[in-house]
Amino acid sequence: MGLISKGAKCSVTSCDNDGVRSLTASKVEGTGVDIPHGLKKAILCKEHYKEWKKATKEDRDTEKARFSRF
């Protein structure tokens, strides 16, 4: 069983919502989503995951293009 299925809460400071997604903390740091320093995994609720996706859309598209085949 994973962290989400065990009922983990959102890692964002001052958020008590249930977690929906688990990401590596290094991917989340520096994107505007406020998580405590020193975590290995960041668990995000639906709202904060959506915020993270919007903040990293351009970077993720660039990374995807680097590995795609023509």
PDB file of N, CA and C in Angstrom:
ATOM      1  N   MET A   1       0.841  -1.185   0.000  1.00  0.00           N
ATOM      2  CA  MET A   1       0.000   0.000   0.000  1.00  0.00           C
ATOM      3  C   MET A   1       0.882   1.243   0.000  1.00  0.00           C
ATOM      4  N   GLY A   2       0.448   2.227  -0.741  1.00  0.00           N
ATOM      5  CA  GLY A   2       1.185   3.474  -0.820  1.00  0.00           C
ATOM      6  C   GLY A   2       0.753   4.473   0.231  1.00  0.00           C
ATOM      7  N   LEU A   3       1.413   5.597   0.234  1.00  0.00           N
ATOM      8  CA  LEU A   3       1.124   6.647   1.211  1.00  0.00           C
ATOM      9  C   LEU A   3      -0.283   7.213   1.036  1.00  0.00           C
ATOM     10  N   ILE A   4      -0.699   7.389  -0.206  1.00  0.00           N
ATOM     11  CA  ILE A   4      -2.007   7.989  -0.480  1.00  0.00           C
ATOM     12  C   ILE A   4      -3.129   7.069  -0.006  1.00  0.00           C
ATOM     13  N   SER A   5      -3.009   5.779  -0.294  1.00  0.00           N
ATOM     14  CA  SER A   5      -4.061   4.842   0.100  1.00  0.00           C
ATOM     15  C   SER A   5      -4.137   4.654   1.614  1.00  0.00           C
ATOM     16  N   LYS A   6      -3.076   5.023   2.324  1.00  0.00           N
ATOM     17  CA  LYS A   6      -3.088   4.935   3.789  1.00  0.00           C
ATOM     18  C   LYS A   6      -3.722   6.171   4.425  1.00  0.00           C
ATOM     19  N   GLY A   7      -4.105   7.160   3.608  1.00  0.00           N
ATOM     20  CA  GLY A   7      -4.789   8.330   4.128  1.00  0.00           C
ATOM     21  C   GLY A   7      -3.882   9.481   4.494  1.00  0.00           C
ATOM     22  N   ALA A   8      -2.767   9.637   3.805  1.00  0.00           N
ATOM     23  CA  ALA A   8      -1.825  10.718   4.097  1.00  0.00           C
ATOM     24  C   ALA A   8      -2.450  12.073   3.767  1.00  0.00           C
ATOM     25  N   LYS A   9      -2.094  13.064   4.538  1.00  0.00           N
ATOM     26  CA  LYS A   9      -2.588  14.433   4.342  1.00  0.00           C
ATOM     27  C   LYS A   9      -1.615  15.215   3.470  1.00  0.00           C
ATOM     28  N   CYS A  10      -2.069  16.321   2.948  1.00  0.00           N
ATOM     29  CA  CYS A  10      -1.269  17.191   2.094  1.00  0.00           C
ATOM     30  C   CYS A  10      -0.059  17.723   2.864  1.00  0.00           C
ATOM     31  N   SER A  11       1.096  17.747   2.213  1.00  0.00           N
ATOM     32  CA  SER A  11       2.343  18.190   2.847  1.00  0.00           C
ATOM     33  C   SER A  11       2.496  19.706   2.876  1.00  0.00           C
ATOM     34  N   VAL A  12       1.639  20.426   2.191  1.00  0.00           N
ATOM     35  CA  VAL A  12       1.746  21.878   2.120  1.00  0.00           C
ATOM     36  C   VAL A  12       1.423  22.469   3.487  1.00  0.00           C
ATOM     37  N   THR A  13       2.213  23.462   3.872  1.00  0.00           N
ATOM     38  CA  THR A  13       2.027  24.121   5.153  1.00  0.00           C
ATOM     39  C   THR A  13       0.619  24.703   5.238  1.00  0.00           C
ATOM     40  N   SER A  14      -0.050  24.496   6.337  1.00  0.00           N
ATOM     41  CA  SER A  14      -1.404  24.981   6.650  1.00  0.00           C
ATOM     42  C   SER A  14      -2.478  24.394   5.747  1.00  0.00           C
ATOM     43  N   CYS A  15      -2.311  23.169   5.278  1.00  0.00           N
ATOM     44  CA  CYS A  15      -3.335  22.479   4.488  1.00  0.00           C
ATOM     45  C   CYS A  15      -3.614  21.127   5.130  1.00  0.00           C
ATOM     46  N   ASP A  16      -4.873  20.829   5.407  1.00  0.00           N
ATOM     47  CA  ASP A  16      -5.254  19.567   6.037  1.00  0.00           C
ATOM     48  C   ASP A  16      -6.075  18.671   5.120  1.00  0.00           C
ATOM     49  N   ASN A  17      -6.071  18.935   3.824  1.00  0.00           N
ATOM     50  CA  ASN A  17      -6.830  18.119   2.879  1.00  0.00           C
ATOM     51  C   ASN A  17      -6.153  16.764   2.675  1.00  0.00           C
ATOM     52  N   ASP A  18      -6.922  15.793   2.201  1.00  0.00           N
ATOM     53  CA  ASP A  18      -6.375  14.474   1.901  1.00  0.00           C
ATOM     54  C   ASP A  18      -5.470  14.541   0.685  1.00  0.00           C
ATOM     55  N   GLY A  19      -4.407  13.777   0.704  1.00  0.00           N
ATOM     56  CA  GLY A  19      -3.472  13.740  -0.409  1.00  0.00           C
ATOM     57  C   GLY A  19      -4.032  12.983  -1.597  1.00  0.00           C
ATOM     58  N   VAL A  20      -3.683  13.439  -2.798  1.00  0.00           N
ATOM     59  CA  VAL A  20      -4.129  12.799  -4.034  1.00  0.00           C
ATOM     60  C   VAL A  20      -2.929  12.284  -4.820  1.00  0.00           C
ATOM     61  N   ARG A  21      -1.827  13.025  -4.792  1.00  0.00           N
ATOM     62  CA  ARG A  21      -0.631  12.669  -5.544  1.00  0.00           C
ATOM     63  C   ARG A  21       0.598  12.736  -4.656  1.00  0.00           C
ATOM     64  N   SER A  22       1.561  11.876  -4.942  1.00  0.00           N
ATOM     65  CA  SER A  22       2.825  11.867  -4.235  1.00  0.00           C
ATOM     66  C   SER A  22       3.934  12.134  -5.248  1.00  0.00           C
ATOM     67  N   LEU A  23       4.746  13.143  -4.987  1.00  0.00           N
ATOM     68  CA  LEU A  23       5.831  13.521  -5.885  1.00  0.00           C
ATOM     69  C   LEU A  23       7.135  13.603  -5.099  1.00  0.00           C
ATOM     70  N   THR A  24       8.241  13.517  -5.807  1.00  0.00           N
ATOM     71  CA  THR A  24       9.537  13.746  -5.186  1.00  0.00           C
ATOM     72  C   THR A  24       9.596  15.202  -4.747  1.00  0.00           C
ATOM     73  N   ALA A  25      10.038  15.439  -3.539  1.00  0.00           N
ATOM     74  CA  ALA A  25      10.049  16.795  -2.980  1.00  0.00           C
ATOM     75  C   ALA A  25      10.912  17.742  -3.795  1.00  0.00           C
ATOM     76  N   SER A  26      11.965  17.228  -4.408  1.00  0.00           N
ATOM     77  CA  SER A  26      12.836  18.104  -5.208  1.00  0.00           C
ATOM     78  C   SER A  26      12.108  18.666  -6.427  1.00  0.00           C
ATOM     79  N   LYS A  27      11.102  17.955  -6.945  1.00  0.00           N
ATOM     80  CA  LYS A  27      10.308  18.465  -8.066  1.00  0.00           C
ATOM     81  C   LYS A  27       9.378  19.589  -7.624  1.00  0.00           C
ATOM     82  N   VAL A  28       8.947  19.552  -6.377  1.00  0.00           N
ATOM     83  CA  VAL A  28       7.959  20.508  -5.878  1.00  0.00           C
ATOM     84  C   VAL A  28       8.629  21.773  -5.338  1.00  0.00           C
ATOM     85  N   GLU A  29       9.825  21.643  -4.785  1.00  0.00           N
ATOM     86  CA  GLU A  29      10.516  22.801  -4.206  1.00  0.00           C
ATOM     87  C   GLU A  29      10.820  23.834  -5.283  1.00  0.00           C
ATOM     88  N   GLY A  30      10.612  25.087  -4.965  1.00  0.00           N
ATOM     89  CA  GLY A  30      10.918  26.173  -5.886  1.00  0.00           C
ATOM     90  C   GLY A  30       9.867  26.430  -6.943  1.00  0.00           C
ATOM     91  N   THR A  31       8.673  25.878  -6.768  1.00  0.00           N
ATOM     92  CA  THR A  31       7.621  26.081  -7.759  1.00  0.00           C
ATOM     93  C   THR A  31       6.481  26.941  -7.225  1.00  0.00           C
ATOM     94  N   GLY A  32       6.626  27.457  -6.030  1.00  0.00           N
ATOM     95  CA  GLY A  32       5.566  28.281  -5.458  1.00  0.00           C
ATOM     96  C   GLY A  32       4.673  27.526  -4.496  1.00  0.00           C
ATOM     97  N   VAL A  33       4.783  26.200  -4.463  1.00  0.00           N
ATOM     98  CA  VAL A  33       4.023  25.394  -3.518  1.00  0.00           C
ATOM     99  C   VAL A  33       4.878  25.276  -2.260  1.00  0.00           C
ATOM    100  N   ASP A  34       4.338  25.711  -1.120  1.00  0.00           N
ATOM    101  CA  ASP A  34       5.098  25.831   0.123  1.00  0.00           C
ATOM    102  C   ASP A  34       5.077  24.525   0.919  1.00  0.00           C
ATOM    103  N   ILE A  35       6.149  23.725   0.779  1.00  0.00           N
ATOM    104  CA  ILE A  35       6.280  22.503   1.566  1.00  0.00           C
ATOM    105  C   ILE A  35       7.437  22.668   2.530  1.00  0.00           C
ATOM    106  N   PRO A  36       7.419  21.956   3.663  1.00  0.00           N
ATOM    107  CA  PRO A  36       8.529  22.032   4.612  1.00  0.00           C
ATOM    108  C   PRO A  36       9.825  21.508   4.003  1.00  0.00           C
ATOM    109  N   HIS A  37      10.940  22.084   4.398  1.00  0.00           N
ATOM    110  CA  HIS A  37      12.250  21.683   3.891  1.00  0.00           C
ATOM    111  C   HIS A  37      12.654  20.343   4.493  1.00  0.00           C
ATOM    112  N   GLY A  38      13.299  19.492   3.721  1.00  0.00           N
ATOM    113  CA  GLY A  38      13.839  18.242   4.232  1.00  0.00           C
ATOM    114  C   GLY A  38      12.984  17.016   3.976  1.00  0.00           C
ATOM    115  N   LEU A  39      11.897  17.150   3.240  1.00  0.00           N
ATOM    116  CA  LEU A  39      11.067  15.994   2.923  1.00  0.00           C
ATOM    117  C   LEU A  39      11.643  15.239   1.735  1.00  0.00           C
ATOM    118  N   LYS A  40      11.431  13.921   1.693  1.00  0.00           N
ATOM    119  CA  LYS A  40      11.811  13.134   0.526  1.00  0.00           C
ATOM    120  C   LYS A  40      10.642  13.068  -0.452  1.00  0.00           C
ATOM    121  N   LYS A  41       9.443  12.890   0.076  1.00  0.00           N
ATOM    122  CA  LYS A  41       8.235  12.818  -0.734  1.00  0.00           C
ATOM    123  C   LYS A  41       7.299  13.950  -0.337  1.00  0.00           C
ATOM    124  N   ALA A  42       6.692  14.570  -1.324  1.00  0.00           N
ATOM    125  CA  ALA A  42       5.698  15.605  -1.072  1.00  0.00           C
ATOM    126  C   ALA A  42       4.348  15.045  -1.492  1.00  0.00           C
ATOM    127  N   ILE A  43       3.406  15.088  -0.592  1.00  0.00           N
ATOM    128  CA  ILE A  43       2.056  14.626  -0.875  1.00  0.00           C
ATOM    129  C   ILE A  43       1.199  15.855  -1.085  1.00  0.00           C
ATOM    130  N   LEU A  44       0.512  15.913  -2.220  1.00  0.00           N
ATOM    131  CA  LEU A  44      -0.280  17.086  -2.565  1.00  0.00           C
ATOM    132  C   LEU A  44      -1.748  16.733  -2.694  1.00  0.00           C
ATOM    133  N   CYS A  45      -2.607  17.648  -2.218  1.00  0.00           N
ATOM    134  CA  CYS A  45      -4.039  17.501  -2.391  1.00  0.00           C
ATOM    135  C   CYS A  45      -4.398  17.925  -3.820  1.00  0.00           C
ATOM    136  N   LYS A  46      -5.654  17.802  -4.173  1.00  0.00           N
ATOM    137  CA  LYS A  46      -6.088  18.103  -5.535  1.00  0.00           C
ATOM    138  C   LYS A  46      -5.786  19.550  -5.921  1.00  0.00           C
ATOM    139  N   GLU A  47      -6.049  20.498  -5.030  1.00  0.00           N
ATOM    140  CA  GLU A  47      -5.840  21.916  -5.329  1.00  0.00           C
ATOM    141  C   GLU A  47      -4.362  22.252  -5.509  1.00  0.00           C
ATOM    142  N   HIS A  48      -3.521  21.744  -4.616  1.00  0.00           N
ATOM    143  CA  HIS A  48      -2.091  22.052  -4.695  1.00  0.00           C
ATOM    144  C   HIS A  48      -1.415  21.313  -5.852  1.00  0.00           C
ATOM    145  N   TYR A  49      -1.918  20.122  -6.199  1.00  0.00           N
ATOM    146  CA  TYR A  49      -1.383  19.411  -7.362  1.00  0.00           C
ATOM    147  C   TYR A  49      -1.691  20.196  -8.638  1.00  0.00           C
ATOM    148  N   LYS A  50      -2.899  20.744  -8.720  1.00  0.00           N
ATOM    149  CA  LYS A  50      -3.281  21.567  -9.871  1.00  0.00           C
ATOM    150  C   LYS A  50      -2.399  22.814  -9.953  1.00  0.00           C
ATOM    151  N   GLU A  51      -2.134  23.439  -8.811  1.00  0.00           N
ATOM    152  CA  GLU A  51      -1.252  24.610  -8.746  1.00  0.00           C
ATOM    153  C   GLU A  51       0.164  24.250  -9.207  1.00  0.00           C
ATOM    154  N   TRP A  52       0.669  23.084  -8.759  1.00  0.00           N
ATOM    155  CA  TRP A  52       1.998  22.635  -9.163  1.00  0.00           C
ATOM    156  C   TRP A  52       2.051  22.362 -10.666  1.00  0.00           C
ATOM    157  N   LYS A  53       1.005  21.746 -11.203  1.00  0.00           N
ATOM    158  CA  LYS A  53       0.965  21.459 -12.638  1.00  0.00           C
ATOM    159  C   LYS A  53       1.007  22.732 -13.467  1.00  0.00           C
ATOM    160  N   LYS A  54       0.265  23.755 -13.042  1.00  0.00           N
ATOM    161  CA  LYS A  54       0.266  25.028 -13.766  1.00  0.00           C
ATOM    162  C   LYS A  54       1.635  25.695 -13.695  1.00  0.00           C
ATOM    163  N   ALA A  55       2.290  25.618 -12.538  1.00  0.00           N
ATOM    164  CA  ALA A  55       3.584  26.271 -12.353  1.00  0.00           C
ATOM    165  C   ALA A  55       4.698  25.587 -13.140  1.00  0.00           C
ATOM    166  N   THR A  56       4.565  24.298 -13.423  1.00  0.00           N
ATOM    167  CA  THR A  56       5.642  23.557 -14.080  1.00  0.00           C
ATOM    168  C   THR A  56       5.297  23.110 -15.497  1.00  0.00           C
ATOM    169  N   LYS A  57       4.210  23.598 -16.055  1.00  0.00           N
ATOM    170  CA  LYS A  57       3.765  23.147 -17.380  1.00  0.00           C
ATOM    171  C   LYS A  57       4.835  23.335 -18.446  1.00  0.00           C
ATOM    172  N   GLU A  58       5.428  24.507 -18.509  1.00  0.00           N
ATOM    173  CA  GLU A  58       6.426  24.794 -19.535  1.00  0.00           C
ATOM    174  C   GLU A  58       7.651  23.889 -19.372  1.00  0.00           C
ATOM    175  N   ASP A  59       8.114  23.699 -18.146  1.00  0.00           N
ATOM    176  CA  ASP A  59       9.274  22.845 -17.899  1.00  0.00           C
ATOM    177  C   ASP A  59       8.986  21.392 -18.269  1.00  0.00           C
ATOM    178  N   ARG A  60       7.803  20.912 -17.927  1.00  0.00           N
ATOM    179  CA  ARG A  60       7.449  19.535 -18.242  1.00  0.00           C
ATOM    180  C   ARG A  60       7.327  19.328 -19.745  1.00  0.00           C
ATOM    181  N   ASP A  61       6.766  20.299 -20.468  1.00  0.00           N
ATOM    182  CA  ASP A  61       6.669  20.198 -21.928  1.00  0.00           C
ATOM    183  C   ASP A  61       8.048  20.175 -22.574  1.00  0.00           C
ATOM    184  N   THR A  62       8.957  21.006 -22.082  1.00  0.00           N
ATOM    185  CA  THR A  62      10.323  21.031 -22.596  1.00  0.00           C
ATOM    186  C   THR A  62      11.011  19.696 -22.344  1.00  0.00           C
ATOM    187  N   GLU A  63      10.842  19.161 -21.165  1.00  0.00           N
ATOM    188  CA  GLU A  63      11.463  17.882 -20.812  1.00  0.00           C
ATOM    189  C   GLU A  63      10.884  16.749 -21.667  1.00  0.00           C
ATOM    190  N   LYS A  64       9.585  16.781 -21.903  1.00  0.00           N
ATOM    191  CA  LYS A  64       8.942  15.766 -22.723  1.00  0.00           C
ATOM    192  C   LYS A  64       9.461  15.827 -24.161  1.00  0.00           C
ATOM    193  N   ALA A  65       9.652  17.025 -24.680  1.00  0.00           N
ATOM    194  CA  ALA A  65      10.140  17.212 -26.047  1.00  0.00           C
ATOM    195  C   ALA A  65      11.576  16.707 -26.199  1.00  0.00           C
ATOM    196  N   ARG A  66      12.355  16.818 -25.144  1.00  0.00           N
ATOM    197  CA  ARG A  66      13.741  16.342 -25.202  1.00  0.00           C
ATOM    198  C   ARG A  66      13.818  14.842 -25.438  1.00  0.00           C
ATOM    199  N   PHE A  67      12.866  14.098 -24.911  1.00  0.00           N
ATOM    200  CA  PHE A  67      12.918  12.642 -24.977  1.00  0.00           C
ATOM    201  C   PHE A  67      11.995  12.043 -26.033  1.00  0.00           C
ATOM    202  N   SER A  68      11.237  12.861 -26.728  1.00  0.00           N
ATOM    203  CA  SER A  68      10.328  12.312 -27.733  1.00  0.00           C
ATOM    204  C   SER A  68      11.083  12.061 -29.039  1.00  0.00           C
ATOM    205  N   ARG A  69      10.560  11.147 -29.803  1.00  0.00           N
ATOM    206  CA  ARG A  69      11.138  10.814 -31.109  1.00  0.00           C
ATOM    207  C   ARG A  69      10.352  11.525 -32.187  1.00  0.00           C
ATOM    208  N   PHE A  70      11.004  11.858 -33.233  1.00  0.00           N
ATOM    209  CA  PHE A  70      10.340  12.556 -34.335  1.00  0.00           C
ATOM    210  C   PHE A  70       9.660  11.605 -35.226  1.00  0.00           C
TER     211      PHE A  70
END
